[in-house]
Amino acid sequence: MNKEQIEGNWEQFKGKLRETWGKLSDDDLALAQGRAEQFFGKVKEKHGIAIEEAERLYNQLAAASNYKQVAKNSNEKNNERAA
């Protein structure tokens, strides 16, 4: 996959995120590319939903869009730390 394809996939996925969480700014959405905890914190702050619910919705959107899932729920994070 070349750089243009990766960027195109991100733009499509970002559109799905914007449809789901319309109160997020472009800067907020940019956090989804590498700072998952901060991104979900913004979703919680602006939309009033739990971080775990935001992670679940994000992963559903990612799966439906064939976009790389970067979010991990709290249990997965804890399991990785314990290993």
PDB file of N, CA and C in Angstrom:
ATOM      1  N   MET A   1       0.860  -1.177   0.000  1.00  0.00           N
ATOM      2  CA  MET A   1       0.000   0.000   0.000  1.00  0.00           C
ATOM      3  C   MET A   1       0.902   1.235   0.000  1.00  0.00           C
ATOM      4  N   ASN A   2       0.625   2.169  -0.905  1.00  0.00           N
ATOM      5  CA  ASN A   2       1.465   3.358  -0.976  1.00  0.00           C
ATOM      6  C   ASN A   2       0.928   4.467  -0.077  1.00  0.00           C
ATOM      7  N   LYS A   3       1.705   5.530   0.018  1.00  0.00           N
ATOM      8  CA  LYS A   3       1.369   6.644   0.917  1.00  0.00           C
ATOM      9  C   LYS A   3       0.002   7.238   0.592  1.00  0.00           C
ATOM     10  N   GLU A   4      -0.322   7.392  -0.686  1.00  0.00           N
ATOM     11  CA  GLU A   4      -1.606   7.973  -1.084  1.00  0.00           C
ATOM     12  C   GLU A   4      -2.781   7.100  -0.643  1.00  0.00           C
ATOM     13  N   GLN A   5      -2.611   5.782  -0.755  1.00  0.00           N
ATOM     14  CA  GLN A   5      -3.671   4.870  -0.325  1.00  0.00           C
ATOM     15  C   GLN A   5      -3.876   4.943   1.178  1.00  0.00           C
ATOM     16  N   ILE A   6      -2.783   5.008   1.920  1.00  0.00           N
ATOM     17  CA  ILE A   6      -2.875   5.100   3.380  1.00  0.00           C
ATOM     18  C   ILE A   6      -3.577   6.403   3.768  1.00  0.00           C
ATOM     19  N   GLU A   7      -3.168   7.505   3.140  1.00  0.00           N
ATOM     20  CA  GLU A   7      -3.788   8.794   3.440  1.00  0.00           C
ATOM     21  C   GLU A   7      -5.257   8.802   3.047  1.00  0.00           C
ATOM     22  N   GLY A   8      -5.594   8.168   1.913  1.00  0.00           N
ATOM     23  CA  GLY A   8      -6.993   8.082   1.491  1.00  0.00           C
ATOM     24  C   GLY A   8      -7.826   7.274   2.463  1.00  0.00           C
ATOM     25  N   ASN A   9      -7.275   6.166   2.949  1.00  0.00           N
ATOM     26  CA  ASN A   9      -7.981   5.351   3.943  1.00  0.00           C
ATOM     27  C   ASN A   9      -8.226   6.153   5.208  1.00  0.00           C
ATOM     28  N   TRP A  10      -7.224   6.929   5.642  1.00  0.00           N
ATOM     29  CA  TRP A  10      -7.376   7.738   6.845  1.00  0.00           C
ATOM     30  C   TRP A  10      -8.477   8.775   6.637  1.00  0.00           C
ATOM     31  N   GLU A  11      -8.494   9.433   5.486  1.00  0.00           N
ATOM     32  CA  GLU A  11      -9.505  10.462   5.225  1.00  0.00           C
ATOM     33  C   GLU A  11     -10.907   9.863   5.238  1.00  0.00           C
ATOM     34  N   GLN A  12     -11.077   8.685   4.671  1.00  0.00           N
ATOM     35  CA  GLN A  12     -12.378   8.010   4.688  1.00  0.00           C
ATOM     36  C   GLN A  12     -12.777   7.661   6.115  1.00  0.00           C
ATOM     37  N   PHE A  13     -11.835   7.123   6.865  1.00  0.00           N
ATOM     38  CA  PHE A  13     -12.136   6.738   8.240  1.00  0.00           C
ATOM     39  C   PHE A  13     -12.426   7.969   9.097  1.00  0.00           C
ATOM     40  N   LYS A  14     -11.667   9.040   8.882  1.00  0.00           N
ATOM     41  CA  LYS A  14     -11.894  10.278   9.616  1.00  0.00           C
ATOM     42  C   LYS A  14     -13.309  10.799   9.355  1.00  0.00           C
ATOM     43  N   GLY A  15     -13.792  10.623   8.141  1.00  0.00           N
ATOM     44  CA  GLY A  15     -15.167  11.011   7.823  1.00  0.00           C
ATOM     45  C   GLY A  15     -16.177  10.219   8.624  1.00  0.00           C
ATOM     46  N   LYS A  16     -15.921   8.927   8.813  1.00  0.00           N
ATOM     47  CA  LYS A  16     -16.803   8.092   9.636  1.00  0.00           C
ATOM     48  C   LYS A  16     -16.780   8.554  11.089  1.00  0.00           C
ATOM     49  N   LEU A  17     -15.595   8.890  11.585  1.00  0.00           N
ATOM     50  CA  LEU A  17     -15.492   9.382  12.960  1.00  0.00           C
ATOM     51  C   LEU A  17     -16.264  10.689  13.112  1.00  0.00           C
ATOM     52  N   ARG A  18     -16.141  11.567  12.122  1.00  0.00           N
ATOM     53  CA  ARG A  18     -16.840  12.851  12.171  1.00  0.00           C
ATOM     54  C   ARG A  18     -18.361  12.648  12.155  1.00  0.00           C
ATOM     55  N   GLU A  19     -18.846  11.671  11.356  1.00  0.00           N
ATOM     56  CA  GLU A  19     -20.283  11.371  11.333  1.00  0.00           C
ATOM     57  C   GLU A  19     -20.763  10.902  12.697  1.00  0.00           C
ATOM     58  N   THR A  20     -19.935  10.114  13.370  1.00  0.00           N
ATOM     59  CA  THR A  20     -20.313   9.543  14.662  1.00  0.00           C
ATOM     60  C   THR A  20     -20.198  10.559  15.784  1.00  0.00           C
ATOM     61  N   TRP A  21     -19.110  11.316  15.796  1.00  0.00           N
ATOM     62  CA  TRP A  21     -18.849  12.270  16.868  1.00  0.00           C
ATOM     63  C   TRP A  21     -18.635  13.658  16.269  1.00  0.00           C
ATOM     64  N   GLY A  22     -19.702  14.285  15.847  1.00  0.00           N
ATOM     65  CA  GLY A  22     -19.656  15.549  15.129  1.00  0.00           C
ATOM     66  C   GLY A  22     -19.108  16.730  15.910  1.00  0.00           C
ATOM     67  N   LYS A  23     -19.035  16.632  17.222  1.00  0.00           N
ATOM     68  CA  LYS A  23     -18.537  17.750  18.031  1.00  0.00           C
ATOM     69  C   LYS A  23     -17.021  17.813  18.082  1.00  0.00           C
ATOM     70  N   LEU A  24     -16.344  16.805  17.527  1.00  0.00           N
ATOM     71  CA  LEU A  24     -14.887  16.782  17.576  1.00  0.00           C
ATOM     72  C   LEU A  24     -14.290  17.672  16.499  1.00  0.00           C
ATOM     73  N   SER A  25     -13.230  18.373  16.856  1.00  0.00           N
ATOM     74  CA  SER A  25     -12.519  19.237  15.913  1.00  0.00           C
ATOM     75  C   SER A  25     -11.537  18.394  15.084  1.00  0.00           C
ATOM     76  N   ASP A  26     -10.959  19.012  14.061  1.00  0.00           N
ATOM     77  CA  ASP A  26      -9.929  18.326  13.281  1.00  0.00           C
ATOM     78  C   ASP A  26      -8.742  17.946  14.160  1.00  0.00           C
ATOM     79  N   ASP A  27      -8.393  18.818  15.108  1.00  0.00           N
ATOM     80  CA  ASP A  27      -7.297  18.507  16.029  1.00  0.00           C
ATOM     81  C   ASP A  27      -7.642  17.300  16.899  1.00  0.00           C
ATOM     82  N   ASP A  28      -8.891  17.219  17.354  1.00  0.00           N
ATOM     83  CA  ASP A  28      -9.325  16.070  18.147  1.00  0.00           C
ATOM     84  C   ASP A  28      -9.226  14.792  17.323  1.00  0.00           C
ATOM     85  N   LEU A  29      -9.694  14.855  16.083  1.00  0.00           N
ATOM     86  CA  LEU A  29      -9.663  13.683  15.218  1.00  0.00           C
ATOM     87  C   LEU A  29      -8.234  13.249  14.919  1.00  0.00           C
ATOM     88  N   ALA A  30      -7.317  14.199  14.825  1.00  0.00           N
ATOM     89  CA  ALA A  30      -5.919  13.861  14.559  1.00  0.00           C
ATOM     90  C   ALA A  30      -5.338  12.992  15.678  1.00  0.00           C
ATOM     91  N   LEU A  31      -5.864  13.115  16.883  1.00  0.00           N
ATOM     92  CA  LEU A  31      -5.390  12.289  17.999  1.00  0.00           C
ATOM     93  C   LEU A  31      -5.653  10.809  17.750  1.00  0.00           C
ATOM     94  N   ALA A  32      -6.659  10.491  16.947  1.00  0.00           N
ATOM     95  CA  ALA A  32      -6.997   9.099  16.673  1.00  0.00           C
ATOM     96  C   ALA A  32      -5.878   8.387  15.928  1.00  0.00           C
ATOM     97  N   GLN A  33      -4.973   9.127  15.322  1.00  0.00           N
ATOM     98  CA  GLN A  33      -3.887   8.515  14.568  1.00  0.00           C
ATOM     99  C   GLN A  33      -2.727   8.041  15.439  1.00  0.00           C
ATOM    100  N   GLY A  34      -2.770   8.223  16.713  1.00  0.00           N
ATOM    101  CA  GLY A  34      -1.648   7.736  17.498  1.00  0.00           C
ATOM    102  C   GLY A  34      -1.760   7.934  18.991  1.00  0.00           C
ATOM    103  N   ARG A  35      -2.702   8.716  19.416  1.00  0.00           N
ATOM    104  CA  ARG A  35      -2.844   8.985  20.853  1.00  0.00           C
ATOM    105  C   ARG A  35      -4.249   8.588  21.285  1.00  0.00           C
ATOM    106  N   ALA A  36      -4.482   7.299  21.319  1.00  0.00           N
ATOM    107  CA  ALA A  36      -5.826   6.778  21.558  1.00  0.00           C
ATOM    108  C   ALA A  36      -6.408   7.261  22.881  1.00  0.00           C
ATOM    109  N   GLU A  37      -5.634   7.245  23.946  1.00  0.00           N
ATOM    110  CA  GLU A  37      -6.172   7.642  25.251  1.00  0.00           C
ATOM    111  C   GLU A  37      -6.635   9.097  25.238  1.00  0.00           C
ATOM    112  N   GLN A  38      -5.852   9.971  24.613  1.00  0.00           N
ATOM    113  CA  GLN A  38      -6.247  11.372  24.526  1.00  0.00           C
ATOM    114  C   GLN A  38      -7.480  11.531  23.647  1.00  0.00           C
ATOM    115  N   PHE A  39      -7.523  10.785  22.542  1.00  0.00           N
ATOM    116  CA  PHE A  39      -8.674  10.854  21.647  1.00  0.00           C
ATOM    117  C   PHE A  39      -9.955  10.457  22.380  1.00  0.00           C
ATOM    118  N   PHE A  40      -9.914   9.338  23.092  1.00  0.00           N
ATOM    119  CA  PHE A  40     -11.113   8.876  23.789  1.00  0.00           C
ATOM    120  C   PHE A  40     -11.482   9.812  24.936  1.00  0.00           C
ATOM    121  N   GLY A  41     -10.492  10.453  25.525  1.00  0.00           N
ATOM    122  CA  GLY A  41     -10.773  11.470  26.533  1.00  0.00           C
ATOM    123  C   GLY A  41     -11.547  12.636  25.936  1.00  0.00           C
ATOM    124  N   LYS A  42     -11.186  13.051  24.716  1.00  0.00           N
ATOM    125  CA  LYS A  42     -11.913  14.126  24.034  1.00  0.00           C
ATOM    126  C   LYS A  42     -13.338  13.702  23.707  1.00  0.00           C
ATOM    127  N   VAL A  43     -13.509  12.454  23.277  1.00  0.00           N
ATOM    128  CA  VAL A  43     -14.853  11.957  22.989  1.00  0.00           C
ATOM    129  C   VAL A  43     -15.691  11.999  24.260  1.00  0.00           C
ATOM    130  N   LYS A  44     -15.121  11.549  25.370  1.00  0.00           N
ATOM    131  CA  LYS A  44     -15.835  11.569  26.645  1.00  0.00           C
ATOM    132  C   LYS A  44     -16.205  12.993  27.029  1.00  0.00           C
ATOM    133  N   GLU A  45     -15.249  13.902  26.921  1.00  0.00           N
ATOM    134  CA  GLU A  45     -15.455  15.300  27.304  1.00  0.00           C
ATOM    135  C   GLU A  45     -16.543  15.970  26.461  1.00  0.00           C
ATOM    136  N   LYS A  46     -16.510  15.757  25.158  1.00  0.00           N
ATOM    137  CA  LYS A  46     -17.410  16.485  24.267  1.00  0.00           C
ATOM    138  C   LYS A  46     -18.743  15.791  24.016  1.00  0.00           C
ATOM    139  N   HIS A  47     -18.799  14.466  24.230  1.00  0.00           N
ATOM    140  CA  HIS A  47     -20.027  13.731  23.942  1.00  0.00           C
ATOM    141  C   HIS A  47     -20.634  13.051  25.167  1.00  0.00           C
ATOM    142  N   GLY A  48     -19.913  13.069  26.288  1.00  0.00           N
ATOM    143  CA  GLY A  48     -20.460  12.543  27.528  1.00  0.00           C
ATOM    144  C   GLY A  48     -20.657  11.041  27.565  1.00  0.00           C
ATOM    145  N   ILE A  49     -19.824  10.302  26.838  1.00  0.00           N
ATOM    146  CA  ILE A  49     -19.922   8.841  26.902  1.00  0.00           C
ATOM    147  C   ILE A  49     -18.656   8.281  27.539  1.00  0.00           C
ATOM    148  N   ALA A  50     -18.772   7.096  28.082  1.00  0.00           N
ATOM    149  CA  ALA A  50     -17.640   6.461  28.753  1.00  0.00           C
ATOM    150  C   ALA A  50     -16.535   6.141  27.747  1.00  0.00           C
ATOM    151  N   ILE A  51     -15.313   6.178  28.228  1.00  0.00           N
ATOM    152  CA  ILE A  51     -14.169   5.875  27.369  1.00  0.00           C
ATOM    153  C   ILE A  51     -14.294   4.474  26.780  1.00  0.00           C
ATOM    154  N   GLU A  52     -14.744   3.514  27.568  1.00  0.00           N
ATOM    155  CA  GLU A  52     -14.887   2.143  27.075  1.00  0.00           C
ATOM    156  C   GLU A  52     -15.905   2.072  25.933  1.00  0.00           C
ATOM    157  N   GLU A  53     -16.980   2.849  26.031  1.00  0.00           N
ATOM    158  CA  GLU A  53     -17.984   2.894  24.971  1.00  0.00           C
ATOM    159  C   GLU A  53     -17.396   3.549  23.721  1.00  0.00           C
ATOM    160  N   ALA A  54     -16.615   4.591  23.895  1.00  0.00           N
ATOM    161  CA  ALA A  54     -15.967   5.245  22.759  1.00  0.00           C
ATOM    162  C   ALA A  54     -15.008   4.278  22.060  1.00  0.00           C
ATOM    163  N   GLU A  55     -14.260   3.509  22.846  1.00  0.00           N
ATOM    164  CA  GLU A  55     -13.351   2.514  22.269  1.00  0.00           C
ATOM    165  C   GLU A  55     -14.125   1.474  21.468  1.00  0.00           C
ATOM    166  N   ARG A  56     -15.234   1.020  22.029  1.00  0.00           N
ATOM    167  CA  ARG A  56     -16.049   0.004  21.354  1.00  0.00           C
ATOM    168  C   ARG A  56     -16.585   0.542  20.024  1.00  0.00           C
ATOM    169  N   LEU A  57     -17.128   1.753  20.046  1.00  0.00           N
ATOM    170  CA  LEU A  57     -17.667   2.346  18.822  1.00  0.00           C
ATOM    171  C   LEU A  57     -16.566   2.590  17.791  1.00  0.00           C
ATOM    172  N   TYR A  58     -15.423   3.066  18.249  1.00  0.00           N
ATOM    173  CA  TYR A  58     -14.291   3.294  17.357  1.00  0.00           C
ATOM    174  C   TYR A  58     -13.905   1.995  16.655  1.00  0.00           C
ATOM    175  N   ASN A  59     -13.780   0.926  17.421  1.00  0.00           N
ATOM    176  CA  ASN A  59     -13.373  -0.353  16.844  1.00  0.00           C
ATOM    177  C   ASN A  59     -14.418  -0.905  15.887  1.00  0.00           C
ATOM    178  N   GLN A  60     -15.692  -0.668  16.168  1.00  0.00           N
ATOM    179  CA  GLN A  60     -16.742  -1.084  15.236  1.00  0.00           C
ATOM    180  C   GLN A  60     -16.610  -0.315  13.926  1.00  0.00           C
ATOM    181  N   LEU A  61     -16.392   0.994  14.027  1.00  0.00           N
ATOM    182  CA  LEU A  61     -16.210   1.798  12.822  1.00  0.00           C
ATOM    183  C   LEU A  61     -14.971   1.355  12.052  1.00  0.00           C
ATOM    184  N   ALA A  62     -13.895   1.092  12.771  1.00  0.00           N
ATOM    185  CA  ALA A  62     -12.655   0.664  12.124  1.00  0.00           C
ATOM    186  C   ALA A  62     -12.863  -0.655  11.388  1.00  0.00           C
ATOM    187  N   ALA A  63     -13.540  -1.594  12.015  1.00  0.00           N
ATOM    188  CA  ALA A  63     -13.782  -2.886  11.382  1.00  0.00           C
ATOM    189  C   ALA A  63     -14.663  -2.726  10.138  1.00  0.00           C
ATOM    190  N   ALA A  64     -15.694  -1.915  10.244  1.00  0.00           N
ATOM    191  CA  ALA A  64     -16.599  -1.696   9.121  1.00  0.00           C
ATOM    192  C   ALA A  64     -15.908  -0.955   7.979  1.00  0.00           C
ATOM    193  N   SER A  65     -14.895  -0.170   8.299  1.00  0.00           N
ATOM    194  CA  SER A  65     -14.186   0.629   7.294  1.00  0.00           C
ATOM    195  C   SER A  65     -12.898  -0.034   6.827  1.00  0.00           C
ATOM    196  N   ASN A  66     -12.602  -1.216   7.340  1.00  0.00           N
ATOM    197  CA  ASN A  66     -11.337  -1.890   7.048  1.00  0.00           C
ATOM    198  C   ASN A  66     -10.148  -1.014   7.404  1.00  0.00           C
ATOM    199  N   TYR A  67     -10.287  -0.244   8.483  1.00  0.00           N
ATOM    200  CA  TYR A  67      -9.216   0.608   8.954  1.00  0.00           C
ATOM    201  C   TYR A  67      -8.544  -0.071  10.131  1.00  0.00           C
ATOM    202  N   LYS A  68      -7.254   0.124  10.275  1.00  0.00           N
ATOM    203  CA  LYS A  68      -6.494  -0.500  11.362  1.00  0.00           C
ATOM    204  C   LYS A  68      -7.087  -0.105  12.714  1.00  0.00           C
ATOM    205  N   GLN A  69      -7.349  -1.095  13.528  1.00  0.00           N
ATOM    206  CA  GLN A  69      -7.863  -0.835  14.869  1.00  0.00           C
ATOM    207  C   GLN A  69      -6.682  -0.566  15.792  1.00  0.00           C
ATOM    208  N   VAL A  70      -6.648   0.645  16.337  1.00  0.00           N
ATOM    209  CA  VAL A  70      -5.556   0.983  17.246  1.00  0.00           C
ATOM    210  C   VAL A  70      -6.010   1.020  18.692  1.00  0.00           C
ATOM    211  N   ALA A  71      -7.305   1.049  18.891  1.00  0.00           N
ATOM    212  CA  ALA A  71      -7.813   1.161  20.248  1.00  0.00           C
ATOM    213  C   ALA A  71      -7.892  -0.211  20.892  1.00  0.00           C
ATOM    214  N   LYS A  72      -7.500  -0.258  22.125  1.00  0.00           N
ATOM    215  CA  LYS A  72      -7.612  -1.486  22.908  1.00  0.00           C
ATOM    216  C   LYS A  72      -8.386  -1.158  24.163  1.00  0.00           C
ATOM    217  N   ASN A  73      -9.256  -2.083  24.546  1.00  0.00           N
ATOM    218  CA  ASN A  73     -10.024  -1.807  25.758  1.00  0.00           C
ATOM    219  C   ASN A  73      -9.135  -1.968  26.985  1.00  0.00           C
ATOM    220  N   SER A  74      -9.610  -1.522  28.102  1.00  0.00           N
ATOM    221  CA  SER A  74      -8.820  -1.500  29.334  1.00  0.00           C
ATOM    222  C   SER A  74      -8.346  -2.882  29.736  1.00  0.00           C
ATOM    223  N   ASN A  75      -9.177  -3.912  29.554  1.00  0.00           N
ATOM    224  CA  ASN A  75      -8.774  -5.266  29.917  1.00  0.00           C
ATOM    225  C   ASN A  75      -7.596  -5.733  29.080  1.00  0.00           C
ATOM    226  N   GLU A  76      -7.598  -5.457  27.774  1.00  0.00           N
ATOM    227  CA  GLU A  76      -6.491  -5.849  26.918  1.00  0.00           C
ATOM    228  C   GLU A  76      -5.219  -5.139  27.338  1.00  0.00           C
ATOM    229  N   LYS A  77      -5.306  -3.856  27.674  1.00  0.00           N
ATOM    230  CA  LYS A  77      -4.133  -3.104  28.116  1.00  0.00           C
ATOM    231  C   LYS A  77      -3.549  -3.714  29.385  1.00  0.00           C
ATOM    232  N   ASN A  78      -4.424  -4.039  30.326  1.00  0.00           N
ATOM    233  CA  ASN A  78      -3.959  -4.615  31.585  1.00  0.00           C
ATOM    234  C   ASN A  78      -3.322  -5.970  31.366  1.00  0.00           C
ATOM    235  N   ASN A  79      -3.886  -6.797  30.466  1.00  0.00           N
ATOM    236  CA  ASN A  79      -3.315  -8.102  30.162  1.00  0.00           C
ATOM    237  C   ASN A  79      -1.931  -7.962  29.549  1.00  0.00           C
ATOM    238  N   GLU A  80      -1.754  -6.964  28.650  1.00  0.00           N
ATOM    239  CA  GLU A  80      -0.447  -6.748  28.038  1.00  0.00           C
ATOM    240  C   GLU A  80       0.589  -6.326  29.067  1.00  0.00           C
ATOM    241  N   ARG A  81       0.187  -5.490  30.002  1.00  0.00           N
ATOM    242  CA  ARG A  81       1.115  -5.032  31.045  1.00  0.00           C
ATOM    243  C   ARG A  81       1.537  -6.178  31.949  1.00  0.00           C
ATOM    244  N   ALA A  82       0.604  -7.097  32.216  1.00  0.00           N
ATOM    245  CA  ALA A  82       0.884  -8.206  33.107  1.00  0.00           C
ATOM    246  C   ALA A  82       1.802  -9.249  32.456  1.00  0.00           C
ATOM    247  N   ALA A  83       1.808  -9.289  31.141  1.00  0.00           N
ATOM    248  CA  ALA A  83       2.593 -10.310  30.420  1.00  0.00           C
ATOM    249  C   ALA A  83       4.067 -10.017  30.414  1.00  0.00           C
TER     250      ALA A  83
END
